[in-house]
């Protein structure tokens, strides 16, 4: 097979030898702008990490940090520790906790930076297969703006970032394994190793999140599709077998560990069954797909990534243009189309995921950057320069900047509104942590209410609610409580906390003629406060669900004490009415 025949498999834009040589040759004139652009992407990572340095662990990161520490204490994941994600992220946090101890939080922030840079490196390497160094670096800058966005990335160390790194590494290996590359054909044994290693990357991606199977599924489809359309169909079964065998390898180790620990059934119910219920249940998230709120959330997050995804859509059209101009079977099976397919699938997952979780878009972003790099490289070489493609590209980049203004203000201005909000949150968490530490011993179990894993982590106190996902009660998702309230109360009876710390908002209204000359306690209308009497017929579903728990607490806890903005309930003490405490 000659070089021109190979090019039909690889490139969608041109069959010209000079087009191939300009992509593969080392052009020293591009070195300086490439270095500057990559430096800009790295600088953005560093600045964003610094902007979060004074902000406490947020919801997900706090939960993973707490569970990681509890794993080091000897607790069993999915048995004593309830969680609905695969085990990868928890053992990463456990490893960081073990290595850095008191400096673990700082190390976790650095880990997010290293993780982001690793994704950029692999993405740039993949983009270079389809674009010049400058175009690849420019696309990496756009990726950085999305990958470290304050809303999409939040505190950092997102599972989607781990998945993106593993899947993009798998993609790089996959292209080598099926010889969708510009390098000379390697021995069959080497390509076998590449395909097996691709499977291993996909397997590890699935250990971090259920959506880690996306590239694995796309790669399997691609092998079958290519096999049907090319003369190498006899290799299809072997390629599929290698991919599946590689993906099964890390899972075989994990399943063996779960079997030995006796937690495989718990893993199945929490990670597989619960997730299916969460998505497909009649009361679950599937019903939200028809709500205006869901699509409003989707739209608001898509605007945040417009600077990357609008050029991606143009890049998809550019690829389709190339196929239309030079349509042949080999070209339709190009490696770039594989990445485009992966981007579409991973983006659709975000679109149909209820509640519009923006961090889902992090998984799709590296694929988008590769497509953008290819489009940038082609569109900027058109003659004359001003053409519909270049105008559309420039317009998309300008429009994409406006939604990022809030991100830049947050990142660069320590006195910005949201930075001040996080500063207030930090003071609240510090006060809550101090109240726990000063009123309890290190060996006592403390139930923080509402549950906050970050507070339990900072206070170094174990919470008995670790065996449930009780935080969903306060997120409007009480239907997702697992285990059910009856079983949760039985677990609390078997492993009761010594102290309960209630930090639900309350407000004491002094006696007045309007209150009948009696003090009045204002509490949440959903019945969250433990001082709010249990009411089985509460108008809010949360209040009805919490009624049995409140009955049990009132029978077993009392001696309430106010410390700052929190109220402490002590096991075995007599219940004190709120006028005596507040």
Protein backbone atom coordinates (compact mmCIF):
# COMPACT_ATOMS: atom_id res chain seq x y z
CA UNK A 1 0.00 0.00 0.00
CA UNK A 2 1.44 3.35 -1.06
CA UNK A 3 1.49 6.53 0.92
CA UNK A 4 -1.45 7.98 -1.02
CA UNK A 5 -3.60 4.95 -0.18
CA UNK A 6 -2.73 5.30 3.52
CA UNK A 7 -3.74 8.91 3.42
CA UNK A 8 -7.25 7.94 2.38
CA UNK A 9 -7.70 6.16 5.69
CA UNK A 10 -6.26 8.96 7.79
CA UNK A 11 -7.19 12.36 6.47
CA UNK A 12 -10.55 13.79 5.55
CA UNK A 13 -9.44 17.07 4.03
CA UNK A 14 -7.02 16.31 1.25
CA UNK A 15 -5.28 13.60 -0.72
CA UNK A 16 -2.42 15.91 -1.59
CA UNK A 17 1.05 14.70 -0.53
CA UNK A 18 1.98 18.23 0.55
CA UNK A 19 -0.99 18.27 2.93
CA UNK A 20 0.33 15.08 4.52
CA UNK A 21 3.89 16.37 4.72
CA UNK A 22 2.94 19.69 6.32
CA UNK A 23 1.25 17.86 9.17
CA UNK A 24 4.04 15.41 9.81
CA UNK A 25 7.03 17.62 9.17
CA UNK A 26 8.75 19.56 11.93
CA UNK A 27 8.17 23.21 11.09
CA UNK A 28 10.47 25.28 13.32
CA UNK A 29 8.55 28.46 12.47
CA UNK A 30 5.66 27.10 14.53
CA UNK A 31 7.75 26.38 17.60
CA UNK A 32 7.46 29.78 19.31
CA UNK A 33 3.68 30.28 18.90
CA UNK A 34 3.11 26.67 19.93
CA UNK A 35 5.16 27.09 23.10
CA UNK A 36 3.41 30.37 23.92
CA UNK A 37 -0.05 28.87 23.45
CA UNK A 38 0.74 25.78 25.52
CA UNK A 39 2.24 28.05 28.17
CA UNK A 40 -1.02 30.02 28.21
CA UNK A 41 -3.01 26.82 28.77
CA UNK A 42 -0.69 25.83 31.63
CA UNK A 43 -0.84 29.31 33.14
CA UNK A 44 -4.63 29.14 33.18
CA UNK A 45 -4.49 25.88 35.11
CA UNK A 46 -2.10 27.34 37.69
CA UNK A 47 -4.14 30.52 38.17
CA UNK A 48 -7.43 28.68 38.54
CA UNK A 49 -5.93 26.31 41.11
CA UNK A 50 -4.62 29.27 43.10
CA UNK A 51 -8.06 30.90 43.04
CA UNK A 52 -9.45 27.85 44.88
CA UNK A 53 -6.66 27.69 47.47
CA UNK A 54 -8.72 29.27 50.28
CA UNK A 55 -11.98 27.52 49.40
CA UNK A 56 -12.92 24.42 51.43
CA UNK A 57 -13.68 21.05 49.93
CA UNK A 58 -16.97 21.11 48.07
CA UNK A 59 -19.67 18.43 47.99
CA UNK A 60 -18.11 15.70 45.83
CA UNK A 61 -14.48 16.30 46.78
CA UNK A 62 -15.42 16.42 50.46
CA UNK A 63 -17.27 13.13 50.19
CA UNK A 64 -14.39 11.43 48.40
CA UNK A 65 -11.87 12.77 50.91
CA UNK A 66 -13.96 11.53 53.85
CA UNK A 67 -14.47 8.09 52.33
CA UNK A 68 -10.79 7.86 51.38
CA UNK A 69 -9.80 8.46 55.00
CA UNK A 70 -12.38 5.95 56.26
CA UNK A 71 -10.97 3.35 53.85
CA UNK A 72 -7.58 3.89 55.48
CA UNK A 73 -9.31 3.36 58.85
CA UNK A 74 -10.37 -0.09 57.66
CA UNK A 75 -14.00 0.57 56.68
CA UNK A 76 -15.43 -1.40 53.76
CA UNK A 77 -16.56 0.51 50.72
CA UNK A 78 -20.16 -0.33 49.69
CA UNK A 79 -20.77 -2.04 53.04
CA UNK A 80 -19.99 0.36 55.85
CA UNK A 81 -19.54 3.22 53.38
CA UNK A 82 -22.42 3.91 50.99
CA UNK A 83 -21.56 5.23 47.54
CA UNK A 84 -22.95 4.94 44.03
CA UNK A 85 -19.74 5.42 42.03
CA UNK A 86 -17.17 2.75 41.10
CA UNK A 87 -14.22 2.48 43.50
CA UNK A 88 -11.49 4.26 41.52
CA UNK A 89 -11.92 7.82 42.83
CA UNK A 90 -12.14 6.72 46.49
CA UNK A 91 -8.88 4.80 46.38
CA UNK A 92 -7.14 7.70 44.63
CA UNK A 93 -8.22 9.99 47.48
CA UNK A 94 -7.22 7.32 50.01
CA UNK A 95 -3.77 7.12 48.41
CA UNK A 96 -3.35 10.91 48.56
CA UNK A 97 -4.47 10.90 52.21
CA UNK A 98 -1.99 8.12 53.02
CA UNK A 99 0.89 9.84 51.23
CA UNK A 100 0.38 13.43 52.41
CA UNK A 101 -1.63 13.15 55.65
CA UNK A 102 -2.13 16.67 57.03
CA UNK A 103 -1.25 18.20 53.65
CA UNK A 104 -3.71 16.03 51.74
CA UNK A 105 -6.02 18.92 50.77
CA UNK A 106 -3.14 20.87 49.21
CA UNK A 107 -1.99 17.70 47.46
CA UNK A 108 -5.49 17.15 46.07
CA UNK A 109 -5.50 20.65 44.55
CA UNK A 110 -2.13 19.92 42.97
CA UNK A 111 -3.43 16.57 41.75
CA UNK A 112 -6.21 18.35 39.85
CA UNK A 113 -3.62 20.57 38.15
CA UNK A 114 -1.45 17.59 37.19
CA UNK A 115 -4.49 15.68 36.00
CA UNK A 116 -5.61 18.57 33.80
CA UNK A 117 -2.12 18.99 32.32
CA UNK A 118 -1.92 15.27 31.59
CA UNK A 119 -5.22 15.46 29.69
CA UNK A 120 -3.90 18.45 27.76
CA UNK A 121 -0.75 16.54 26.84
CA UNK A 122 -2.59 13.50 25.51
CA UNK A 123 -5.14 15.69 23.71
CA UNK A 124 -2.39 17.71 22.04
CA UNK A 125 -0.67 14.48 20.97
CA UNK A 126 -3.89 13.24 19.40
CA UNK A 127 -4.64 16.59 17.78
CA UNK A 128 -1.23 16.55 16.12
CA UNK A 129 -2.39 13.60 14.03
CA UNK A 130 -4.87 15.89 12.31
CA UNK A 131 -3.50 19.41 12.67
CA UNK A 132 -0.40 21.57 12.81
CA UNK A 133 1.37 22.29 16.14
CA UNK A 134 -0.07 25.81 16.39
CA UNK A 135 -3.64 24.70 15.69
CA UNK A 136 -3.29 21.86 18.21
CA UNK A 137 -1.93 24.22 20.86
CA UNK A 138 -4.67 26.79 20.18
CA UNK A 139 -7.31 24.10 20.66
CA UNK A 140 -5.60 23.11 23.91
CA UNK A 141 -6.01 26.68 25.17
CA UNK A 142 -9.75 26.46 24.48
CA UNK A 143 -9.82 23.10 26.25
CA UNK A 144 -8.14 24.68 29.27
CA UNK A 145 -10.85 27.35 29.49
CA UNK A 146 -13.49 24.65 29.72
CA UNK A 147 -11.58 22.04 31.69
CA UNK A 148 -10.80 24.44 34.55
CA UNK A 149 -13.98 26.49 34.47
CA UNK A 150 -15.13 27.42 37.97
CA UNK A 151 -18.62 25.97 37.47
CA UNK A 152 -17.83 22.92 35.36
CA UNK A 153 -14.74 21.86 37.30
CA UNK A 154 -15.69 23.35 40.67
CA UNK A 155 -13.15 22.39 43.38
CA UNK A 156 -11.49 19.91 41.04
CA UNK A 157 -10.43 16.25 40.86
CA UNK A 158 -13.64 15.44 39.00
CA UNK A 159 -14.15 11.82 38.06
CA UNK A 160 -14.79 13.01 34.50
CA UNK A 161 -11.20 14.28 34.33
CA UNK A 162 -9.85 10.85 35.26
CA UNK A 163 -12.16 9.27 32.70
CA UNK A 164 -11.06 11.77 30.04
CA UNK A 165 -7.38 11.03 30.65
CA UNK A 166 -7.88 7.28 30.47
CA UNK A 167 -10.16 7.37 27.45
CA UNK A 168 -7.97 9.75 25.47
CA UNK A 169 -4.92 7.61 26.28
CA UNK A 170 -6.95 4.62 25.13
CA UNK A 171 -7.85 6.47 21.93
CA UNK A 172 -4.19 7.18 21.21
CA UNK A 173 -3.33 3.51 21.69
CA UNK A 174 -6.36 2.40 19.71
CA UNK A 175 -5.32 4.38 16.65
CA UNK A 176 -1.93 2.72 16.82
CA UNK A 177 -3.48 -0.70 17.30
CA UNK A 178 -5.71 -0.53 14.23
CA UNK A 179 -2.98 1.33 12.31
CA UNK A 180 -4.95 4.55 11.91
CA UNK A 181 -1.74 6.53 12.11
CA UNK A 182 0.89 8.16 9.98
CA UNK A 183 3.77 6.05 11.32
CA UNK A 184 5.03 3.05 9.33
CA UNK A 185 3.05 -0.12 9.98
CA UNK A 186 4.33 -1.82 13.12
CA UNK A 187 4.59 -5.57 13.69
CA UNK A 188 1.35 -7.41 14.43
CA UNK A 189 2.55 -8.27 17.93
CA UNK A 190 3.05 -4.58 18.74
CA UNK A 191 -0.42 -3.67 17.46
CA UNK A 192 -1.82 -6.49 19.58
CA UNK A 193 -0.27 -4.91 22.66
CA UNK A 194 -1.75 -1.53 21.70
CA UNK A 195 -5.27 -2.96 21.43
CA UNK A 196 -4.94 -4.83 24.72
CA UNK A 197 -3.62 -1.66 26.39
CA UNK A 198 -6.58 0.26 24.93
CA UNK A 199 -8.89 -2.19 26.68
CA UNK A 200 -7.01 -1.73 29.95
CA UNK A 201 -7.45 2.06 29.72
CA UNK A 202 -11.16 1.61 29.06
CA UNK A 203 -11.45 -0.78 31.99
CA UNK A 204 -9.81 1.69 34.34
CA UNK A 205 -12.04 4.49 33.00
CA UNK A 206 -15.06 2.42 34.01
CA UNK A 207 -13.61 2.12 37.51
CA UNK A 208 -14.05 5.87 37.95
CA UNK A 209 -17.51 6.41 36.51
CA UNK A 210 -20.25 4.46 34.76
CA UNK A 211 -19.89 6.67 31.68
CA UNK A 212 -16.29 5.44 31.43
CA UNK A 213 -17.62 2.76 29.08
CA UNK A 214 -18.36 5.27 26.31
CA UNK A 215 -15.08 5.09 24.40
CA UNK A 216 -15.02 1.33 24.89
CA UNK A 217 -18.45 1.10 23.25
CA UNK A 218 -17.48 3.45 20.42
CA UNK A 219 -14.24 1.52 19.80
CA UNK A 220 -16.10 -1.79 19.62
CA UNK A 221 -18.56 -0.30 17.14
CA UNK A 222 -15.69 1.14 15.14
CA UNK A 223 -13.89 -2.19 14.89
CA UNK A 224 -17.04 -3.86 13.57
CA UNK A 225 -17.80 -0.98 11.20
CA UNK A 226 -14.30 -0.87 9.76
CA UNK A 227 -14.24 -4.65 9.47
CA UNK A 228 -17.44 -4.63 7.44
CA UNK A 229 -16.21 -1.93 5.08
CA UNK A 230 -12.62 -3.04 4.53
CA UNK A 231 -10.85 -6.15 3.36
CA UNK A 232 -9.44 -6.84 6.85
CA UNK A 233 -12.69 -8.20 8.29
CA UNK A 234 -10.93 -11.44 9.25
CA UNK A 235 -9.10 -9.48 11.96
CA UNK A 236 -12.30 -8.11 13.50
CA UNK A 237 -12.95 -10.97 15.99
CA UNK A 238 -9.35 -10.87 17.25
CA UNK A 239 -9.46 -7.08 17.69
CA UNK A 240 -12.75 -7.28 19.58
CA UNK A 241 -11.36 -10.05 21.77
CA UNK A 242 -8.23 -8.07 22.63
CA UNK A 243 -10.24 -4.97 23.51
CA UNK A 244 -12.66 -6.89 25.73
CA UNK A 245 -9.88 -8.89 27.36
CA UNK A 246 -7.96 -5.71 28.19
CA UNK A 247 -11.06 -4.01 29.63
CA UNK A 248 -11.87 -7.08 31.72
CA UNK A 249 -8.39 -7.23 33.27
CA UNK A 250 -8.71 -4.39 35.85
CA UNK A 251 -12.31 -5.37 36.56
CA UNK A 252 -11.30 -8.96 37.25
CA UNK A 253 -8.95 -7.69 39.95
CA UNK A 254 -11.63 -5.44 41.45
CA UNK A 255 -14.33 -8.12 41.39
CA UNK A 256 -11.94 -10.54 43.05
CA UNK A 257 -11.26 -7.98 45.78
CA UNK A 258 -14.99 -7.36 46.27
CA UNK A 259 -15.67 -11.09 46.50
CA UNK A 260 -12.95 -11.53 49.07
CA UNK A 261 -14.30 -8.61 51.12
CA UNK A 262 -17.87 -9.90 50.79
CA UNK A 263 -19.10 -6.63 49.27
CA UNK A 264 -19.84 -7.65 45.67
CA UNK A 265 -23.60 -7.73 46.30
CA UNK A 266 -23.44 -4.29 47.93
CA UNK A 267 -21.42 -2.99 44.99
CA UNK A 268 -24.00 -4.32 42.56
CA UNK A 269 -26.95 -2.78 44.40
CA UNK A 270 -25.32 0.64 44.91
CA UNK A 271 -23.31 1.18 41.72
CA UNK A 272 -25.45 -0.68 39.17
CA UNK A 273 -29.01 -1.11 40.41
CA UNK A 274 -29.23 2.21 42.22
CA UNK A 275 -27.93 4.09 39.19
CA UNK A 276 -30.49 2.42 36.95
CA UNK A 277 -33.23 3.31 39.43
CA UNK A 278 -31.95 6.86 39.70
CA UNK A 279 -32.12 7.37 35.96
CA UNK A 280 -35.08 5.25 34.93
CA UNK A 281 -37.44 5.18 37.92
CA UNK A 282 -40.91 6.70 37.52
CA UNK A 283 -40.09 9.09 40.36
CA UNK A 284 -36.48 9.40 39.29
CA UNK A 285 -34.59 11.64 36.96
CA UNK A 286 -36.11 10.34 33.74
CA UNK A 287 -39.24 12.34 34.46
CA UNK A 288 -37.22 15.56 34.47
CA UNK A 289 -36.39 15.28 30.78
CA UNK A 290 -39.76 16.78 29.93
CA UNK A 291 -39.33 19.70 32.32
CA UNK A 292 -38.36 23.20 31.25
CA UNK A 293 -35.95 23.37 34.20
CA UNK A 294 -33.84 20.55 32.81
CA UNK A 295 -33.46 22.11 29.39
CA UNK A 296 -32.77 25.49 30.94
CA UNK A 297 -29.88 23.92 32.89
CA UNK A 298 -28.61 22.23 29.74
CA UNK A 299 -28.66 25.50 27.83
CA UNK A 300 -26.97 27.49 30.61
CA UNK A 301 -24.08 24.99 30.77
CA UNK A 302 -23.74 24.73 27.00
CA UNK A 303 -23.26 28.51 26.90
CA UNK A 304 -20.33 28.16 29.30
CA UNK A 305 -18.50 25.88 26.88
CA UNK A 306 -19.55 27.68 23.73
CA UNK A 307 -15.97 28.83 23.10
CA UNK A 308 -15.01 25.19 22.51
CA UNK A 309 -18.23 23.51 21.38
CA UNK A 310 -19.36 26.07 18.79
CA UNK A 311 -16.09 25.64 16.82
CA UNK A 312 -16.55 21.89 17.32
CA UNK A 313 -19.89 22.00 15.53
CA UNK A 314 -18.22 23.92 12.72
CA UNK A 315 -15.49 21.27 12.73
CA UNK A 316 -18.09 18.53 12.32
CA UNK A 317 -19.49 20.41 9.33
CA UNK A 318 -15.94 20.80 7.99
CA UNK A 319 -15.39 17.06 8.24
CA UNK A 320 -18.71 16.41 6.48
CA UNK A 321 -17.63 18.84 3.75
CA UNK A 322 -14.46 16.84 3.22
CA UNK A 323 -16.42 13.60 3.00
CA UNK A 324 -18.79 15.09 0.46
CA UNK A 325 -15.97 16.43 -1.69
CA UNK A 326 -13.94 13.21 -1.60
CA UNK A 327 -16.35 10.42 -0.73
CA UNK A 328 -14.92 6.93 -0.59
CA UNK A 329 -15.31 4.06 1.88
CA UNK A 330 -11.83 4.34 3.34
CA UNK A 331 -12.24 8.05 3.99
CA UNK A 332 -15.52 7.51 5.83
CA UNK A 333 -13.61 5.24 8.20
CA UNK A 334 -11.04 7.89 9.08
CA UNK A 335 -9.72 8.12 12.61
CA UNK A 336 -11.02 11.66 12.94
CA UNK A 337 -14.56 10.42 12.46
CA UNK A 338 -14.02 8.00 15.34
CA UNK A 339 -13.23 10.94 17.62
CA UNK A 340 -16.20 12.89 16.27
CA UNK A 341 -18.47 9.96 17.06
CA UNK A 342 -17.07 9.75 20.61
CA UNK A 343 -17.62 13.48 21.12
CA UNK A 344 -21.23 13.26 19.98
CA UNK A 345 -22.00 10.30 22.24
CA UNK A 346 -20.32 11.80 25.32
CA UNK A 347 -22.09 15.14 24.74
CA UNK A 348 -25.47 13.44 24.40
CA UNK A 349 -24.94 11.85 27.81
CA UNK A 350 -24.78 15.33 29.32
CA UNK A 351 -27.82 16.52 27.39
CA UNK A 352 -30.05 13.66 28.57
CA UNK A 353 -28.58 13.58 32.10
CA UNK A 354 -31.22 15.13 34.37
CA UNK A 355 -30.41 18.15 36.51
CA UNK A 356 -28.00 19.41 33.81
CA UNK A 357 -24.80 18.31 35.54
CA UNK A 358 -22.21 20.55 33.89
CA UNK A 359 -19.22 18.46 34.93
CA UNK A 360 -20.39 15.74 32.52
CA UNK A 361 -19.12 18.01 29.75
CA UNK A 362 -15.53 17.61 30.96
CA UNK A 363 -15.48 14.09 29.54
CA UNK A 364 -16.52 15.29 26.10
CA UNK A 365 -14.19 18.30 25.97
CA UNK A 366 -10.88 16.67 24.87
CA UNK A 367 -12.58 15.09 21.86
CA UNK A 368 -14.03 18.48 21.00
CA UNK A 369 -10.57 20.06 21.18
CA UNK A 370 -9.18 17.54 18.69
CA UNK A 371 -11.96 18.31 16.20
CA UNK A 372 -11.41 22.04 16.70
CA UNK A 373 -7.68 21.67 16.08
CA UNK A 374 -8.38 19.97 12.75
CA UNK A 375 -10.86 22.68 11.78
CA UNK A 376 -8.57 25.52 12.84
CA UNK A 377 -5.75 24.06 10.82
CA UNK A 378 -7.81 23.75 7.68
CA UNK A 379 -9.90 26.92 7.89
CA UNK A 380 -6.96 29.22 8.59
CA UNK A 381 -5.18 27.98 5.47
CA UNK A 382 -7.98 28.86 3.09
CA UNK A 383 -7.24 31.41 0.38
CA UNK A 384 -8.42 34.12 0.45
CA UNK A 385 -8.44 34.39 4.22
CA UNK A 386 -11.89 35.95 4.50
CA UNK A 387 -14.32 33.16 3.69
CA UNK A 388 -17.56 31.90 5.28
CA UNK A 389 -15.59 29.29 7.27
CA UNK A 390 -13.16 31.77 8.78
CA UNK A 391 -15.92 34.29 9.48
CA UNK A 392 -17.97 31.61 11.25
CA UNK A 393 -14.91 30.51 13.23
CA UNK A 394 -14.08 34.05 14.34
CA UNK A 395 -17.69 34.75 15.25
CA UNK A 396 -17.97 31.57 17.32
CA UNK A 397 -14.82 32.42 19.27
CA UNK A 398 -15.97 35.99 19.97
CA UNK A 399 -19.43 34.85 21.09
CA UNK A 400 -17.86 32.13 23.23
CA UNK A 401 -15.82 34.64 25.24
CA UNK A 402 -18.80 36.50 26.72
CA UNK A 403 -20.08 33.63 28.93
CA UNK A 404 -16.54 33.29 30.34
CA UNK A 405 -16.42 36.79 31.83
CA UNK A 406 -17.80 35.53 35.14
CA UNK A 407 -15.13 32.81 35.23
CA UNK A 408 -12.32 35.30 34.59
CA UNK A 409 -13.64 37.68 37.27
CA UNK A 410 -13.85 34.84 39.78
CA UNK A 411 -10.36 33.62 38.92
CA UNK A 412 -8.58 36.96 38.94
CA UNK A 413 -10.50 39.05 41.49
CA UNK A 414 -10.34 37.85 45.11
CA UNK A 415 -13.03 40.39 46.01
CA UNK A 416 -15.52 39.14 43.45
CA UNK A 417 -19.02 38.28 44.59
CA UNK A 418 -18.64 34.51 44.37
CA UNK A 419 -15.22 34.49 46.00
CA UNK A 420 -16.77 36.37 48.93
CA UNK A 421 -19.56 33.78 49.04
CA UNK A 422 -17.01 31.00 49.30
CA UNK A 423 -15.16 32.97 51.99
CA UNK A 424 -18.38 33.12 54.01
CA UNK A 425 -18.83 29.39 53.47
CA UNK A 426 -15.30 28.78 54.73
CA UNK A 427 -16.03 30.71 57.94
CA UNK A 428 -19.22 28.72 58.44
CA UNK A 429 -17.42 25.40 58.00
CA UNK A 430 -14.61 26.50 60.31
CA UNK A 431 -17.13 27.49 62.98
CA UNK A 432 -19.01 24.22 62.61
CA UNK A 433 -15.79 22.20 62.71
CA UNK A 434 -14.63 24.10 65.80
CA UNK A 435 -17.93 23.44 67.59
CA UNK A 436 -17.60 19.72 66.88
CA UNK A 437 -13.97 19.49 67.96
CA UNK A 438 -14.54 21.46 71.17
CA UNK A 439 -17.61 19.48 72.27
CA UNK A 440 -16.66 15.94 71.27
CA UNK A 441 -13.77 13.51 71.54
CA UNK A 442 -11.87 12.11 68.58
CA UNK A 443 -13.18 8.60 69.28
CA UNK A 444 -16.84 9.68 69.33
CA UNK A 445 -19.23 9.34 66.43
CA UNK A 446 -20.83 12.64 65.43
CA UNK A 447 -23.84 12.91 63.15
CA UNK A 448 -23.69 16.21 61.27
CA UNK A 449 -27.16 17.39 60.24
CA UNK A 450 -27.59 18.19 57.37
CA UNK A 451 -24.89 15.68 56.37
CA UNK A 452 -21.69 17.30 55.14
CA UNK A 453 -18.80 14.94 54.47
CA UNK A 454 -16.33 17.84 54.21
CA UNK A 455 -17.21 18.98 57.76
CA UNK A 456 -16.78 15.42 59.07
CA UNK A 457 -13.47 15.23 57.22
CA UNK A 458 -12.13 18.50 58.64
CA UNK A 459 -13.36 17.66 62.16
CA UNK A 460 -11.87 14.15 61.90
CA UNK A 461 -15.06 12.62 63.27
CA UNK A 462 -16.86 9.60 61.95
CA UNK A 463 -20.52 10.04 61.02
CA UNK A 464 -22.90 7.03 61.19
CA UNK A 465 -24.68 8.45 58.14
CA UNK A 466 -21.71 7.23 56.08
CA UNK A 467 -23.72 4.06 55.45
CA UNK A 468 -26.37 6.03 53.52
CA UNK A 469 -26.81 8.83 51.00
CA UNK A 470 -28.83 10.92 53.45
CA UNK A 471 -27.64 14.15 51.83
CA UNK A 472 -30.21 13.64 49.03
CA UNK A 473 -32.95 14.56 51.54
CA UNK A 474 -31.72 18.16 51.42
CA UNK A 475 -31.38 18.26 47.63
CA UNK A 476 -35.03 17.73 46.72
CA UNK A 477 -34.37 14.06 45.97
CA UNK A 478 -35.77 12.30 49.04
CA UNK A 479 -37.13 9.56 46.75
CA UNK A 480 -33.51 8.52 46.18
CA UNK A 481 -32.72 7.86 49.86
CA UNK A 482 -30.83 4.59 50.25
CA UNK A 483 -31.23 2.62 52.35
CA UNK A 484 -34.89 3.51 53.09
CA UNK A 485 -35.57 5.51 56.25
CA UNK A 486 -36.76 2.49 58.22
CA UNK A 487 -33.53 0.60 57.54
CA UNK A 488 -31.44 3.73 58.12
CA UNK A 489 -32.96 4.17 61.58
CA UNK A 490 -32.21 0.52 62.38
CA UNK A 491 -28.60 1.10 61.42
CA UNK A 492 -28.46 4.19 63.64
CA UNK A 493 -29.87 2.16 66.52
CA UNK A 494 -27.13 -0.43 66.01
CA UNK A 495 -24.41 2.21 65.65
CA UNK A 496 -25.71 5.38 67.34
CA UNK A 497 -23.79 8.66 67.30
CA UNK A 498 -22.74 10.09 70.64
CA UNK A 499 -23.56 13.61 69.48
CA UNK A 500 -25.81 15.08 66.81
CA UNK A 501 -24.88 18.50 65.45
CA UNK A 502 -27.82 20.31 63.85
CA UNK A 503 -26.86 23.31 61.73
CA UNK A 504 -30.12 23.73 59.82
CA UNK A 505 -31.05 27.41 59.60
CA UNK A 506 -33.33 28.63 62.41
CA UNK A 507 -34.41 32.07 63.50
CA UNK A 508 -35.71 33.08 66.92
CA UNK A 509 -38.36 35.81 66.92
CA UNK A 510 -38.57 37.65 70.28
CA UNK A 511 -41.92 37.90 72.08
CA UNK A 512 -44.23 40.61 70.76
CA UNK A 513 -47.89 41.34 70.41
CA UNK A 514 -47.74 39.80 66.94
CA UNK A 515 -46.48 36.50 68.40
CA UNK A 516 -48.90 36.53 71.35
CA UNK A 517 -46.12 37.67 73.67
CA UNK A 518 -44.40 34.33 73.17
CA UNK A 519 -41.07 33.65 71.42
CA UNK A 520 -41.38 32.14 67.97
CA UNK A 521 -38.97 29.73 66.28
CA UNK A 522 -38.79 29.93 62.50
CA UNK A 523 -37.59 26.72 60.83
CA UNK A 524 -37.38 25.28 57.33
CA UNK A 525 -40.82 24.70 55.77
CA UNK A 526 -39.64 21.25 54.68
CA UNK A 527 -39.10 20.08 58.25
CA UNK A 528 -35.33 19.77 58.18
CA UNK A 529 -34.68 21.15 61.68
CA UNK A 530 -34.50 18.53 64.43
CA UNK A 531 -36.27 21.00 66.71
CA UNK A 532 -39.21 20.97 64.33
CA UNK A 533 -41.63 18.42 65.90
CA UNK A 534 -42.13 15.15 63.99
CA UNK A 535 -45.27 15.26 61.89
CA UNK A 536 -46.33 12.18 59.93
CA UNK A 537 -48.71 14.27 57.81
CA UNK A 538 -46.20 17.02 57.04
CA UNK A 539 -47.08 18.85 53.79
CA UNK A 540 -43.53 18.39 52.47
CA UNK A 541 -42.31 14.90 51.49
CA UNK A 542 -39.05 15.58 53.32
CA UNK A 543 -40.93 16.36 56.52
CA UNK A 544 -42.98 13.16 56.25
CA UNK A 545 -39.87 11.06 55.55
CA UNK A 546 -38.01 12.57 58.53
CA UNK A 547 -40.84 12.08 61.05
CA UNK A 548 -39.71 8.57 62.19
CA UNK A 549 -36.11 9.78 62.57
CA UNK A 550 -37.20 12.73 64.68
CA UNK A 551 -39.27 10.44 66.92
CA UNK A 552 -36.19 8.26 67.52
CA UNK A 553 -33.96 11.27 68.21
CA UNK A 554 -36.38 12.76 70.73
CA UNK A 555 -36.54 9.44 72.56
CA UNK A 556 -32.77 9.01 72.79
CA UNK A 557 -31.14 12.47 72.68
CA UNK A 558 -31.35 15.70 74.63
CA UNK A 559 -29.27 18.02 76.81
CA UNK A 560 -29.20 20.41 73.88
CA UNK A 561 -26.49 23.03 73.80
CA UNK A 562 -26.14 26.00 71.48
CA UNK A 563 -22.66 26.75 70.18
CA UNK A 564 -22.62 29.64 67.75
CA UNK A 565 -25.07 28.81 64.97
CA UNK A 566 -25.30 25.08 65.73
CA UNK A 567 -27.23 23.01 68.27
CA UNK A 568 -25.70 19.89 69.80
CA UNK A 569 -27.84 16.93 70.91
CA UNK A 570 -26.26 14.46 73.35
CA UNK A 571 -27.11 10.78 73.56
CA UNK A 572 -28.85 9.66 76.76
CA UNK A 573 -29.68 13.19 77.92
CA UNK A 574 -33.14 14.56 78.64
CA UNK A 575 -34.80 16.50 75.86
CA UNK A 576 -34.81 20.27 76.39
CA UNK A 577 -37.46 22.46 74.75
CA UNK A 578 -36.08 25.08 72.40
CA UNK A 579 -36.95 28.16 74.56
CA UNK A 580 -34.49 26.85 77.16
CA UNK A 581 -31.70 26.47 74.62
CA UNK A 582 -32.14 29.28 72.12
